[in-house]
């Protein structure tokens, strides 16, 4: 369940990243919009992934190791939200973005 979801999402993120790189170097006006969507979906994925892992029960032998994984997930969530807020704000208000992505 959780592992399959994560594998599928990582594949989708890899494809989305290639698409974003293409739009970026083409200087497409669609890049800022798709990048904002990517950032939002990434934050939502990290939330769902962390909640899914947190909801699983683990044997006592690996419980401590899995708690470290869960704690790292919360760290990733914080980074995804903070970087998402910064980059979304930049994409929306930057004159440089508006002048670069005009095609």
C-alpha atoms as a PDB file:
ATOM      1  CA  UNK A   1       0.000   0.000   0.000  1.00  0.00           C
ATOM      2  CA  UNK A   2       2.236   2.774   1.301  1.00  0.00           C
ATOM      3  CA  UNK A   3       5.311   1.587  -0.595  1.00  0.00           C
ATOM      4  CA  UNK A   4       3.413   1.287  -3.888  1.00  0.00           C
ATOM      5  CA  UNK A   5       1.956   4.770  -3.440  1.00  0.00           C
ATOM      6  CA  UNK A   6       5.413   6.187  -2.797  1.00  0.00           C
ATOM      7  CA  UNK A   7       6.967   4.453  -5.831  1.00  0.00           C
ATOM      8  CA  UNK A   8       4.205   5.677  -8.151  1.00  0.00           C
ATOM      9  CA  UNK A   9       4.418   9.228  -6.819  1.00  0.00           C
ATOM     10  CA  UNK A  10       8.212   9.325  -7.120  1.00  0.00           C
ATOM     11  CA  UNK A  11       7.874   8.227 -10.760  1.00  0.00           C
ATOM     12  CA  UNK A  12       5.286  10.950 -11.392  1.00  0.00           C
ATOM     13  CA  UNK A  13       7.533  13.542  -9.724  1.00  0.00           C
ATOM     14  CA  UNK A  14      10.462  12.434 -11.907  1.00  0.00           C
ATOM     15  CA  UNK A  15       8.362  12.896 -15.062  1.00  0.00           C
ATOM     16  CA  UNK A  16       7.058  16.251 -13.814  1.00  0.00           C
ATOM     17  CA  UNK A  17      10.616  17.394 -13.117  1.00  0.00           C
ATOM     18  CA  UNK A  18      11.704  16.553 -16.672  1.00  0.00           C
ATOM     19  CA  UNK A  19       8.674  18.449 -18.001  1.00  0.00           C
ATOM     20  CA  UNK A  20       9.475  21.462 -15.790  1.00  0.00           C
ATOM     21  CA  UNK A  21      13.093  21.466 -16.962  1.00  0.00           C
ATOM     22  CA  UNK A  22      11.849  21.479 -20.566  1.00  0.00           C
ATOM     23  CA  UNK A  23       9.492  24.403 -19.879  1.00  0.00           C
ATOM     24  CA  UNK A  24      12.206  26.278 -17.981  1.00  0.00           C
ATOM     25  CA  UNK A  25      14.783  26.103 -20.761  1.00  0.00           C
ATOM     26  CA  UNK A  26      12.143  26.880 -23.378  1.00  0.00           C
ATOM     27  CA  UNK A  27      11.279  29.938 -21.243  1.00  0.00           C
ATOM     28  CA  UNK A  28       7.631  29.036 -21.584  1.00  0.00           C
ATOM     29  CA  UNK A  29       5.086  31.287 -19.925  1.00  0.00           C
ATOM     30  CA  UNK A  30       3.508  28.070 -18.580  1.00  0.00           C
ATOM     31  CA  UNK A  31       6.555  27.326 -16.395  1.00  0.00           C
ATOM     32  CA  UNK A  32       5.590  29.458 -13.352  1.00  0.00           C
ATOM     33  CA  UNK A  33       2.060  28.023 -13.254  1.00  0.00           C
ATOM     34  CA  UNK A  34       3.216  24.402 -13.531  1.00  0.00           C
ATOM     35  CA  UNK A  35       6.026  24.965 -11.026  1.00  0.00           C
ATOM     36  CA  UNK A  36       3.521  26.341  -8.494  1.00  0.00           C
ATOM     37  CA  UNK A  37       1.295  23.296  -9.043  1.00  0.00           C
ATOM     38  CA  UNK A  38       4.336  21.042  -8.610  1.00  0.00           C
ATOM     39  CA  UNK A  39       5.240  22.703  -5.297  1.00  0.00           C
ATOM     40  CA  UNK A  40       1.695  22.379  -3.945  1.00  0.00           C
ATOM     41  CA  UNK A  41       1.375  18.728  -5.003  1.00  0.00           C
ATOM     42  CA  UNK A  42       4.786  18.004  -3.472  1.00  0.00           C
ATOM     43  CA  UNK A  43       3.710  19.447  -0.105  1.00  0.00           C
ATOM     44  CA  UNK A  44       0.458  17.454  -0.228  1.00  0.00           C
ATOM     45  CA  UNK A  45       2.402  14.282  -1.087  1.00  0.00           C
ATOM     46  CA  UNK A  46       4.777  14.780   1.841  1.00  0.00           C
ATOM     47  CA  UNK A  47       1.787  15.256   4.179  1.00  0.00           C
ATOM     48  CA  UNK A  48       0.065  12.095   2.930  1.00  0.00           C
ATOM     49  CA  UNK A  49       3.292  10.081   2.922  1.00  0.00           C
ATOM     50  CA  UNK A  50       4.198  11.114   6.473  1.00  0.00           C
ATOM     51  CA  UNK A  51       0.680  10.380   7.728  1.00  0.00           C
ATOM     52  CA  UNK A  52       0.664   6.980   6.028  1.00  0.00           C
ATOM     53  CA  UNK A  53       4.000   5.969   7.558  1.00  0.00           C
ATOM     54  CA  UNK A  54       2.960   7.347  10.959  1.00  0.00           C
ATOM     55  CA  UNK A  55      -0.221   5.274  10.928  1.00  0.00           C
ATOM     56  CA  UNK A  56       1.614   1.967  10.418  1.00  0.00           C
ATOM     57  CA  UNK A  57       2.491  -0.229  13.374  1.00  0.00           C
ATOM     58  CA  UNK A  58       6.008  -1.623  13.585  1.00  0.00           C
ATOM     59  CA  UNK A  59       7.608  -4.478  15.514  1.00  0.00           C
ATOM     60  CA  UNK A  60       9.500  -3.388  18.627  1.00  0.00           C
ATOM     61  CA  UNK A  61      12.859  -4.230  16.994  1.00  0.00           C
ATOM     62  CA  UNK A  62      12.524  -1.536  14.338  1.00  0.00           C
ATOM     63  CA  UNK A  63      10.215   0.908  16.108  1.00  0.00           C
ATOM     64  CA  UNK A  64      13.068   3.307  16.994  1.00  0.00           C
ATOM     65  CA  UNK A  65      14.440   3.273  13.447  1.00  0.00           C
ATOM     66  CA  UNK A  66      11.002   3.930  12.002  1.00  0.00           C
ATOM     67  CA  UNK A  67      10.464   6.793  14.449  1.00  0.00           C
ATOM     68  CA  UNK A  68      13.574   8.417  12.946  1.00  0.00           C
ATOM     69  CA  UNK A  69      12.060   7.971   9.468  1.00  0.00           C
ATOM     70  CA  UNK A  70       8.806   9.546  10.657  1.00  0.00           C
ATOM     71  CA  UNK A  71      10.678  12.442  12.270  1.00  0.00           C
ATOM     72  CA  UNK A  72      12.559  13.002   9.012  1.00  0.00           C
ATOM     73  CA  UNK A  73       9.198  13.050   7.233  1.00  0.00           C
ATOM     74  CA  UNK A  74       8.080  15.919   9.463  1.00  0.00           C
ATOM     75  CA  UNK A  75      11.327  17.716   8.633  1.00  0.00           C
ATOM     76  CA  UNK A  76      10.655  17.198   4.915  1.00  0.00           C
ATOM     77  CA  UNK A  77       7.148  18.529   5.417  1.00  0.00           C
ATOM     78  CA  UNK A  78       8.463  21.695   7.028  1.00  0.00           C
ATOM     79  CA  UNK A  79      10.996  22.195   4.232  1.00  0.00           C
ATOM     80  CA  UNK A  80       8.362  21.555   1.541  1.00  0.00           C
ATOM     81  CA  UNK A  81       5.973  24.091   3.045  1.00  0.00           C
ATOM     82  CA  UNK A  82       8.577  26.801   3.680  1.00  0.00           C
ATOM     83  CA  UNK A  83      10.291  26.449   0.305  1.00  0.00           C
ATOM     84  CA  UNK A  84       6.882  26.222  -1.388  1.00  0.00           C
ATOM     85  CA  UNK A  85       5.742  29.481   0.207  1.00  0.00           C
ATOM     86  CA  UNK A  86       8.968  31.243  -0.797  1.00  0.00           C
ATOM     87  CA  UNK A  87       9.029  29.980  -4.398  1.00  0.00           C
ATOM     88  CA  UNK A  88       5.298  30.471  -5.005  1.00  0.00           C
ATOM     89  CA  UNK A  89       5.573  34.042  -3.739  1.00  0.00           C
ATOM     90  CA  UNK A  90       8.619  34.617  -5.964  1.00  0.00           C
ATOM     91  CA  UNK A  91       6.907  33.163  -9.044  1.00  0.00           C
ATOM     92  CA  UNK A  92       3.881  35.391  -8.489  1.00  0.00           C
ATOM     93  CA  UNK A  93       5.555  38.743  -7.755  1.00  0.00           C
ATOM     94  CA  UNK A  94       8.959  38.694  -9.448  1.00  0.00           C
ATOM     95  CA  UNK A  95       9.447  41.042 -12.368  1.00  0.00           C
ATOM     96  CA  UNK A  96      12.337  38.843 -13.518  1.00  0.00           C
ATOM     97  CA  UNK A  97       9.990  35.838 -13.775  1.00  0.00           C
ATOM     98  CA  UNK A  98       7.474  37.861 -15.757  1.00  0.00           C
ATOM     99  CA  UNK A  99      10.196  39.078 -18.135  1.00  0.00           C
ATOM    100  CA  UNK A 100      11.863  35.683 -18.548  1.00  0.00           C
ATOM    101  CA  UNK A 101       8.856  33.450 -19.172  1.00  0.00           C
ATOM    102  CA  UNK A 102       7.031  35.323 -21.920  1.00  0.00           C
ATOM    103  CA  UNK A 103       6.670  32.892 -24.823  1.00  0.00           C
END
